[in-house]
């Protein structure tokens, strides 16, 4: 199946903020801004690189504020992988680090981003990693950049990215088959994180909150969502890890729907620190299938 990160590197990603790079290690230092990008870096780089993750386990990446130490560490990175516009503190840190072009990979330049589901202001949805097809593009971009900065390990990176691509294609196939025949195609989510997944697999996402998971809907908006849940016979309101589920619980209680977890995979927590991107995507698939009556 999918590649498991080497034990030492995996511990570094999972324990992040307390895990800094080893100055005596001459492997390229790759700094990723949050979990999905750290996961890709580890999968593609394997033992040939060091990986640090700027977002600590249990932290909401939207809320990240870099410490002075983290800003300083960026200047020592062989490669920084981030998504411009998702974490403003990282955007500022990358600008301050003034790294050469080859040492910075902004995934927003590698994939096609679209506006959020419910955003009238044209707010861009950053949650592209929930689309396995887009994750293939990101993985290839990481491999290309690693080969550029470390050509001696080109064959390692090419081998690893081929394996990762294969797993992402299998995941895409499982989603396509698993969501092909469902009684319902609407998912009510605690925040606007699943737009790319919904578009890829023919679902409609109704987000309770917007791109910012901490923003709460007005009473009128909450009543409108509750009415939609009733009218469309939606059985499940999805909450998530890392943020409060109070509003989702309230809508579920009002409508008689159940509450289940759909993980935006923005970061790991104490509850899922032993899982990978693939584990969490599989869990999300099963949750949607159960909620939407898929055969």
Protein backbone atom coordinates (compact mmCIF):
# COMPACT_ATOMS: atom_id res chain seq x y z
CA UNK A 1 0.00 0.00 0.00
CA UNK A 2 1.16 3.58 0.62
CA UNK A 3 4.59 4.55 1.81
CA UNK A 4 4.98 4.87 5.54
CA UNK A 5 7.29 7.72 6.62
CA UNK A 6 10.58 6.56 8.14
CA UNK A 7 10.31 6.37 11.93
CA UNK A 8 12.67 9.22 12.68
CA UNK A 9 11.20 11.53 10.06
CA UNK A 10 7.66 10.59 11.06
CA UNK A 11 8.40 11.47 14.66
CA UNK A 12 9.78 14.80 13.49
CA UNK A 13 6.61 15.66 11.61
CA UNK A 14 4.31 14.50 14.39
CA UNK A 15 6.17 16.20 17.18
CA UNK A 16 7.03 19.15 15.08
CA UNK A 17 7.64 22.28 17.03
CA UNK A 18 9.86 20.41 19.48
CA UNK A 19 11.66 18.72 16.58
CA UNK A 20 14.22 20.94 14.92
CA UNK A 21 16.70 20.00 12.25
CA UNK A 22 20.05 18.48 13.15
CA UNK A 23 22.78 20.94 12.29
CA UNK A 24 25.21 18.04 11.79
CA UNK A 25 22.91 16.41 9.23
CA UNK A 26 24.01 17.35 5.73
CA UNK A 27 20.83 16.15 4.02
CA UNK A 28 18.63 18.86 2.47
CA UNK A 29 16.35 20.47 5.06
CA UNK A 30 12.77 20.72 3.81
CA UNK A 31 10.37 22.86 5.85
CA UNK A 32 6.66 22.35 5.20
CA UNK A 33 4.04 24.76 6.50
CA UNK A 34 1.42 22.18 7.56
CA UNK A 35 0.74 18.44 7.66
CA UNK A 36 -0.34 17.46 4.10
CA UNK A 37 2.71 19.17 2.63
CA UNK A 38 5.00 17.62 5.23
CA UNK A 39 3.49 14.24 4.41
CA UNK A 40 4.21 14.65 0.69
CA UNK A 41 7.75 15.83 1.42
CA UNK A 42 8.44 12.76 3.56
CA UNK A 43 6.93 10.39 1.04
CA UNK A 44 8.90 11.81 -1.87
CA UNK A 45 12.12 12.56 -0.01
CA UNK A 46 12.31 9.49 2.22
CA UNK A 47 15.65 9.10 3.98
CA UNK A 48 17.36 11.50 1.58
CA UNK A 49 15.99 14.62 3.31
CA UNK A 50 15.15 16.12 6.69
CA UNK A 51 11.56 17.35 7.12
CA UNK A 52 10.28 19.92 9.61
CA UNK A 53 6.61 20.93 9.89
CA UNK A 54 5.83 24.48 11.02
CA UNK A 55 2.40 23.56 12.42
CA UNK A 56 2.51 21.58 15.67
CA UNK A 57 0.17 18.60 16.19
CA UNK A 58 -3.16 19.66 17.66
CA UNK A 59 -2.80 23.21 16.31
CA UNK A 60 -5.19 24.73 13.79
CA UNK A 61 -2.98 25.71 10.81
CA UNK A 62 -5.22 28.70 10.00
CA UNK A 63 -4.12 30.16 13.35
CA UNK A 64 -0.37 29.59 12.99
CA UNK A 65 1.90 32.36 14.20
CA UNK A 66 5.58 31.66 13.58
CA UNK A 67 8.00 31.97 16.46
CA UNK A 68 11.23 33.95 15.96
CA UNK A 69 13.07 30.60 15.96
CA UNK A 70 10.89 29.26 13.14
CA UNK A 71 11.40 32.41 11.09
CA UNK A 72 15.16 32.03 11.58
CA UNK A 73 14.99 28.35 10.60
CA UNK A 74 13.40 29.27 7.26
CA UNK A 75 16.63 30.97 6.22
CA UNK A 76 18.49 27.67 6.64
CA UNK A 77 16.04 25.61 4.60
CA UNK A 78 17.04 23.93 1.35
CA UNK A 79 13.36 24.04 0.41
CA UNK A 80 10.24 25.61 1.94
CA UNK A 81 6.89 24.16 0.83
CA UNK A 82 3.81 26.25 1.61
CA UNK A 83 0.55 27.55 0.16
CA UNK A 84 0.42 31.31 -0.24
CA UNK A 85 -2.72 32.84 1.26
CA UNK A 86 -3.49 29.97 3.62
CA UNK A 87 -1.22 30.92 6.53
CA UNK A 88 -0.35 34.64 6.46
CA UNK A 89 2.35 34.18 9.11
CA UNK A 90 4.15 31.75 6.80
CA UNK A 91 3.77 34.12 3.84
CA UNK A 92 5.47 36.82 5.91
CA UNK A 93 8.18 34.44 7.13
CA UNK A 94 9.04 33.28 3.62
CA UNK A 95 9.27 36.89 2.48
CA UNK A 96 11.57 37.74 5.38
CA UNK A 97 13.78 34.72 4.71
CA UNK A 98 14.49 36.06 1.19
CA UNK A 99 15.33 32.60 -0.15
CA UNK A 100 16.38 31.94 -3.75
CA UNK A 101 13.56 30.95 -6.09
CA UNK A 102 14.58 27.27 -6.21
CA UNK A 103 14.31 27.06 -2.41
CA UNK A 104 10.64 28.07 -2.31
CA UNK A 105 7.73 25.97 -3.58
CA UNK A 106 4.30 27.61 -3.38
CA UNK A 107 1.75 24.93 -4.20
CA UNK A 108 -0.75 27.64 -5.14
CA UNK A 109 1.38 28.02 -8.29
CA UNK A 110 1.19 24.30 -9.07
CA UNK A 111 -2.57 23.62 -8.90
CA UNK A 112 -5.76 25.38 -9.95
CA UNK A 113 -7.43 26.97 -6.93
CA UNK A 114 -11.06 28.06 -7.01
CA UNK A 115 -13.29 30.25 -4.87
CA UNK A 116 -14.82 28.88 -1.71
CA UNK A 117 -18.28 27.32 -1.92
CA UNK A 118 -20.14 30.07 -0.11
CA UNK A 119 -17.85 33.03 -0.57
CA UNK A 120 -19.45 36.08 -2.19
CA UNK A 121 -16.22 38.03 -1.71
CA UNK A 122 -14.21 35.81 -4.05
CA UNK A 123 -12.28 34.22 -1.18
CA UNK A 124 -10.04 31.44 -2.50
CA UNK A 125 -10.46 27.94 -1.10
CA UNK A 126 -7.02 26.61 -0.06
CA UNK A 127 -8.03 23.00 0.76
CA UNK A 128 -6.72 21.51 -2.47
CA UNK A 129 -5.03 18.54 -0.75
CA UNK A 130 -8.43 16.88 -0.24
CA UNK A 131 -8.47 16.16 -3.98
CA UNK A 132 -6.22 13.12 -4.63
CA UNK A 133 -5.74 14.15 -8.26
CA UNK A 134 -4.42 17.54 -7.17
CA UNK A 135 -2.19 15.79 -4.63
CA UNK A 136 -0.55 14.01 -7.58
CA UNK A 137 0.30 17.40 -9.07
CA UNK A 138 1.69 18.60 -5.74
CA UNK A 139 3.75 15.42 -5.34
CA UNK A 140 5.28 15.85 -8.79
CA UNK A 141 6.10 19.48 -8.08
CA UNK A 142 7.86 18.48 -4.85
CA UNK A 143 9.81 15.75 -6.65
CA UNK A 144 10.87 18.14 -9.41
CA UNK A 145 12.09 20.69 -6.90
CA UNK A 146 13.96 18.12 -4.80
CA UNK A 147 15.71 16.87 -7.94
CA UNK A 148 16.64 20.47 -8.77
CA UNK A 149 18.23 21.13 -5.38
CA UNK A 150 19.65 17.63 -4.87
CA UNK A 151 20.35 16.01 -8.25
CA UNK A 152 22.54 13.30 -6.70
CA UNK A 153 19.37 11.66 -5.34
CA UNK A 154 17.28 12.03 -8.50
CA UNK A 155 16.57 8.30 -8.77
CA UNK A 156 15.41 8.16 -5.13
CA UNK A 157 12.94 10.99 -5.64
CA UNK A 158 11.67 9.59 -8.93
CA UNK A 159 11.14 6.13 -7.43
CA UNK A 160 9.36 7.52 -4.37
CA UNK A 161 7.07 9.85 -6.30
CA UNK A 162 6.10 7.03 -8.66
CA UNK A 163 5.00 4.93 -5.69
CA UNK A 164 3.13 7.85 -4.13
CA UNK A 165 1.36 8.61 -7.41
CA UNK A 166 0.22 5.01 -7.62
CA UNK A 167 -1.33 5.19 -4.17
CA UNK A 168 -3.05 8.49 -4.95
CA UNK A 169 -4.52 7.03 -8.14
CA UNK A 170 -5.83 4.04 -6.21
CA UNK A 171 -7.35 6.40 -3.66
CA UNK A 172 -9.05 8.37 -6.44
CA UNK A 173 -10.44 5.14 -7.88
CA UNK A 174 -11.79 4.08 -4.49
CA UNK A 175 -13.55 7.44 -4.08
CA UNK A 176 -15.02 7.28 -7.58
CA UNK A 177 -16.37 3.77 -7.05
CA UNK A 178 -17.39 4.34 -3.44
CA UNK A 179 -19.41 7.48 -4.19
CA UNK A 180 -20.85 6.44 -7.56
CA UNK A 181 -24.20 5.20 -6.25
CA UNK A 182 -25.55 7.14 -3.26
CA UNK A 183 -29.04 8.00 -2.05
CA UNK A 184 -27.94 11.55 -1.26
CA UNK A 185 -25.18 13.73 -2.69
CA UNK A 186 -25.18 16.62 -0.20
CA UNK A 187 -22.76 16.89 2.72
CA UNK A 188 -23.20 19.42 5.53
CA UNK A 189 -19.76 20.28 6.91
CA UNK A 190 -18.64 22.34 9.87
CA UNK A 191 -16.51 24.62 7.68
CA UNK A 192 -15.88 25.25 4.01
CA UNK A 193 -13.06 22.74 3.57
CA UNK A 194 -14.45 20.06 1.26
CA UNK A 195 -15.19 21.97 -1.93
CA UNK A 196 -12.46 20.29 -4.01
CA UNK A 197 -13.42 16.83 -2.80
CA UNK A 198 -17.09 17.56 -3.51
CA UNK A 199 -16.38 18.82 -7.04
CA UNK A 200 -14.16 15.89 -7.87
CA UNK A 201 -16.74 13.28 -6.85
CA UNK A 202 -20.04 14.92 -7.72
CA UNK A 203 -21.12 16.00 -4.24
CA UNK A 204 -22.66 19.25 -3.00
CA UNK A 205 -21.08 20.76 0.10
CA UNK A 206 -23.15 22.94 2.47
CA UNK A 207 -20.65 24.53 4.90
CA UNK A 208 -21.79 25.84 8.29
CA UNK A 209 -18.80 28.18 8.60
CA UNK A 210 -16.67 29.70 5.85
CA UNK A 211 -12.98 29.22 5.11
CA UNK A 212 -12.18 30.35 8.66
CA UNK A 213 -13.31 27.41 10.83
CA UNK A 214 -13.79 29.68 13.84
CA UNK A 215 -16.34 31.92 12.14
CA UNK A 216 -19.87 31.13 13.28
CA UNK A 217 -22.97 31.54 11.11
CA UNK A 218 -25.59 34.10 12.02
CA UNK A 219 -28.83 32.77 13.58
CA UNK A 220 -30.52 33.25 10.21
CA UNK A 221 -27.81 31.27 8.40
CA UNK A 222 -27.97 28.52 11.00
CA UNK A 223 -31.76 28.33 10.64
CA UNK A 224 -31.42 28.15 6.84
CA UNK A 225 -28.99 25.21 7.10
CA UNK A 226 -31.24 23.43 9.60
CA UNK A 227 -34.20 23.90 7.23
CA UNK A 228 -32.18 22.45 4.36
CA UNK A 229 -31.20 19.43 6.47
CA UNK A 230 -34.88 18.81 7.19
CA UNK A 231 -36.12 19.30 3.63
CA UNK A 232 -33.45 17.18 1.93
CA UNK A 233 -33.53 14.37 4.45
CA UNK A 234 -29.87 14.80 5.34
CA UNK A 235 -29.02 12.32 8.05
CA UNK A 236 -25.61 13.58 9.17
CA UNK A 237 -23.95 16.86 10.10
CA UNK A 238 -20.19 16.60 9.84
CA UNK A 239 -17.95 18.09 12.46
CA UNK A 240 -14.17 17.90 12.48
CA UNK A 241 -11.03 17.69 14.54
CA UNK A 242 -9.13 20.74 15.87
CA UNK A 243 -12.14 23.13 16.10
CA UNK A 244 -15.29 23.42 18.23
CA UNK A 245 -18.30 21.38 17.13
CA UNK A 246 -20.90 23.42 19.06
CA UNK A 247 -22.77 24.80 16.03
CA UNK A 248 -22.79 21.45 14.21
CA UNK A 249 -24.11 19.80 17.37
CA UNK A 250 -26.81 22.45 17.67
CA UNK A 251 -28.03 21.93 14.08
CA UNK A 252 -27.98 18.16 14.54
CA UNK A 253 -29.98 18.41 17.76
CA UNK A 254 -32.52 20.71 16.12
CA UNK A 255 -33.04 18.47 13.08
CA UNK A 256 -32.59 15.01 14.57
CA UNK A 257 -29.52 14.38 12.40
CA UNK A 258 -26.52 12.54 13.76
CA UNK A 259 -23.02 14.02 14.11
CA UNK A 260 -20.01 12.38 12.49
CA UNK A 261 -16.42 13.42 11.85
CA UNK A 262 -15.09 14.48 8.47
CA UNK A 263 -11.43 15.40 8.76
CA UNK A 264 -10.13 18.30 6.62
CA UNK A 265 -6.64 16.83 7.21
CA UNK A 266 -5.17 20.23 7.95
CA UNK A 267 -3.14 18.75 10.80
CA UNK A 268 -2.88 15.82 13.14
CA UNK A 269 -4.13 15.70 16.73
CA UNK A 270 -3.51 13.50 19.76
CA UNK A 271 -6.38 11.28 18.60
CA UNK A 272 -5.02 10.58 15.12
CA UNK A 273 -1.28 11.11 15.47
CA UNK A 274 -0.63 7.50 14.44
CA UNK A 275 -2.53 7.89 11.15
CA UNK A 276 -1.47 9.14 7.73
CA UNK A 277 -3.08 11.18 4.98
CA UNK A 278 -4.26 7.95 3.36
CA UNK A 279 -5.75 6.62 6.60
CA UNK A 280 -7.71 9.82 7.10
CA UNK A 281 -8.90 9.99 3.50
CA UNK A 282 -10.14 6.40 3.75
CA UNK A 283 -11.96 7.24 6.98
CA UNK A 284 -13.56 10.27 5.30
CA UNK A 285 -14.74 8.10 2.41
CA UNK A 286 -16.41 5.62 4.74
CA UNK A 287 -18.05 8.45 6.71
CA UNK A 288 -19.54 9.98 3.55
CA UNK A 289 -20.70 6.60 2.26
CA UNK A 290 -22.47 5.83 5.52
CA UNK A 291 -24.06 9.28 5.79
CA UNK A 292 -25.24 9.39 2.18
CA UNK A 293 -26.49 5.82 1.85
CA UNK A 294 -23.96 4.75 -0.77
CA UNK A 295 -24.00 1.16 -2.00
